C-alpha atoms as a PDB file:
ATOM      1  CA  MET A   1      51.007 -83.608-153.208  1.00  0.00           C
ATOM      2  CA  PRO A   2      52.678 -80.421-154.450  1.00  0.00           C
ATOM      3  CA  LEU A   3      54.429 -78.329-151.847  1.00  0.00           C
ATOM      4  CA  LEU A   4      52.242 -75.241-152.389  1.00  0.00           C
ATOM      5  CA  ILE A   5      48.985 -77.180-151.949  1.00  0.00           C
ATOM      6  CA  SER A   6      50.157 -78.792-148.704  1.00  0.00           C
ATOM      7  CA  TYR A   7      51.379 -75.384-147.481  1.00  0.00           C
ATOM      8  CA  ILE A   8      47.953 -73.837-148.121  1.00  0.00           C
ATOM      9  CA  ILE A   9      46.018 -76.724-146.546  1.00  0.00           C
ATOM     10  CA  ILE A  10      48.171 -76.723-143.415  1.00  0.00           C
ATOM     11  CA  ARG A  11      47.994 -72.947-142.918  1.00  0.00           C
ATOM     12  CA  VAL A  12      44.240 -72.717-143.507  1.00  0.00           C
ATOM     13  CA  SER A  13      43.623 -75.673-141.175  1.00  0.00           C
ATOM     14  CA  ILE A  14      45.684 -74.155-138.371  1.00  0.00           C
ATOM     15  CA  GLY A  15      43.907 -70.817-138.783  1.00  0.00           C
ATOM     16  CA  PHE A  16      40.498 -72.479-138.857  1.00  0.00           C
ATOM     17  CA  ALA A  17      41.302 -74.405-135.670  1.00  0.00           C
ATOM     18  CA  LEU A  18      42.370 -71.191-133.930  1.00  0.00           C
ATOM     19  CA  GLY A  19      39.221 -69.397-135.073  1.00  0.00           C
ATOM     20  CA  ALA A  20      36.948 -72.275-134.078  1.00  0.00           C
ATOM     21  CA  ALA A  21      38.544 -72.414-130.630  1.00  0.00           C
ATOM     22  CA  THR A  22      38.015 -68.665-130.257  1.00  0.00           C
ATOM     23  CA  ALA A  23      34.369 -68.955-131.296  1.00  0.00           C
ATOM     24  CA  ILE A  24      33.761 -71.826-128.885  1.00  0.00           C
ATOM     25  CA  ALA A  25      35.326 -69.837-126.053  1.00  0.00           C
ATOM     26  CA  ILE A  26      33.123 -66.840-126.880  1.00  0.00           C
ATOM     27  CA  LEU A  27      29.994 -69.002-127.124  1.00  0.00           C
ATOM     28  CA  LEU A  28      30.733 -70.721-123.814  1.00  0.00           C
ATOM     29  CA  GLN A  29      31.275 -67.383-122.103  1.00  0.00           C
ATOM     30  CA  TRP A  30      28.054 -66.057-123.621  1.00  0.00           C
ATOM     31  CA  PHE A  31      26.103 -69.111-122.445  1.00  0.00           C
ATOM     32  CA  LEU A  32      27.354 -68.630-118.879  1.00  0.00           C
ATOM     33  CA  THR A  33      26.213 -64.984-118.739  1.00  0.00           C
ATOM     34  CA  ASP A  34      22.940 -65.166-120.718  1.00  0.00           C
ATOM     35  CA  ALA A  35      20.075 -67.573-120.207  1.00  0.00           C
ATOM     36  CA  THR A  36      18.933 -67.629-123.837  1.00  0.00           C
ATOM     37  CA  SER A  37      20.039 -70.475-126.013  1.00  0.00           C
ATOM     38  CA  LEU A  38      21.098 -70.772-129.616  1.00  0.00           C
ATOM     39  CA  GLY A  39      20.220 -73.592-131.933  1.00  0.00           C
ATOM     40  CA  PRO A  40      22.863 -75.853-133.425  1.00  0.00           C
ATOM     41  CA  LEU A  41      22.740 -74.050-136.787  1.00  0.00           C
ATOM     42  CA  GLU A  42      23.415 -70.661-135.219  1.00  0.00           C
ATOM     43  CA  MET A  43      26.319 -72.075-133.207  1.00  0.00           C
ATOM     44  CA  TRP A  44      27.810 -73.752-136.284  1.00  0.00           C
ATOM     45  CA  LEU A  45      27.516 -70.531-138.304  1.00  0.00           C
ATOM     46  CA  VAL A  46      29.339 -68.565-135.598  1.00  0.00           C
ATOM     47  CA  ILE A  47      32.088 -71.198-135.408  1.00  0.00           C
ATOM     48  CA  TYR A  48      32.365 -71.381-139.195  1.00  0.00           C
ATOM     49  CA  GLY A  49      32.423 -67.598-139.504  1.00  0.00           C
ATOM     50  CA  PHE A  50      35.270 -67.217-137.036  1.00  0.00           C
ATOM     51  CA  GLY A  51      37.123 -70.218-138.445  1.00  0.00           C
ATOM     52  CA  SER A  52      36.978 -69.118-142.067  1.00  0.00           C
ATOM     53  CA  VAL A  53      38.113 -65.579-141.318  1.00  0.00           C
ATOM     54  CA  PHE A  54      40.950 -66.766-139.084  1.00  0.00           C
ATOM     55  CA  GLY A  55      41.958 -69.403-141.644  1.00  0.00           C
ATOM     56  CA  LEU A  56      42.291 -66.950-144.512  1.00  0.00           C
ATOM     57  CA  GLY A  57      43.948 -64.399-142.254  1.00  0.00           C
ATOM     58  CA  TYR A  58      46.487 -66.953-141.039  1.00  0.00           C
ATOM     59  CA  LEU A  59      47.226 -68.008-144.619  1.00  0.00           C
ATOM     60  CA  ALA A  60      47.631 -64.429-145.834  1.00  0.00           C
ATOM     61  CA  THR A  61      49.860 -63.524-142.901  1.00  0.00           C
ATOM     62  CA  SER A  62      52.056 -66.575-143.355  1.00  0.00           C
ATOM     63  CA  LEU A  63      52.389 -65.905-147.093  1.00  0.00           C
ATOM     64  CA  ALA A  64      53.339 -62.296-146.414  1.00  0.00           C
ATOM     65  CA  LEU A  65      55.881 -63.166-143.732  1.00  0.00           C
ATOM     66  CA  ASP A  66      57.410 -66.091-145.639  1.00  0.00           C
ATOM     67  CA  ALA A  67      57.824 -64.140-148.882  1.00  0.00           C
ATOM     68  CA  ASP A  68      61.369 -63.888-150.170  1.00  0.00           C
ATOM     69  CA  ASP A  69      62.520 -60.395-150.946  1.00  0.00           C
ATOM     70  CA  ASP A  70      64.373 -60.579-154.233  1.00  0.00           C
ATOM     71  CA  ASP A  71      64.896 -56.824-154.431  1.00  0.00           C
ATOM     72  CA  ASP A  72      68.432 -55.518-154.764  1.00  0.00           C
ATOM     73  CA  GLY A  73      67.534 -52.384-152.850  1.00  0.00           C
ATOM     74  CA  ALA A  74      66.857 -50.452-156.025  1.00  0.00           C
END
């Protein structure tokens, strides 16, 4: 697999895992304080929403921080 493709897959996966963990923590905290329940589709959409945003954010941040500056200062 080309290096760029593996780089993108790894970074998006790590970001998605971080976002999904955040969403699960928020949902668990919400369930402990509120007696209403969500269906499985609503829970999945919240987890997917957090995961996709975190995944793209993690990828964009890693691309920005890993960029090589080829400028000569001019």
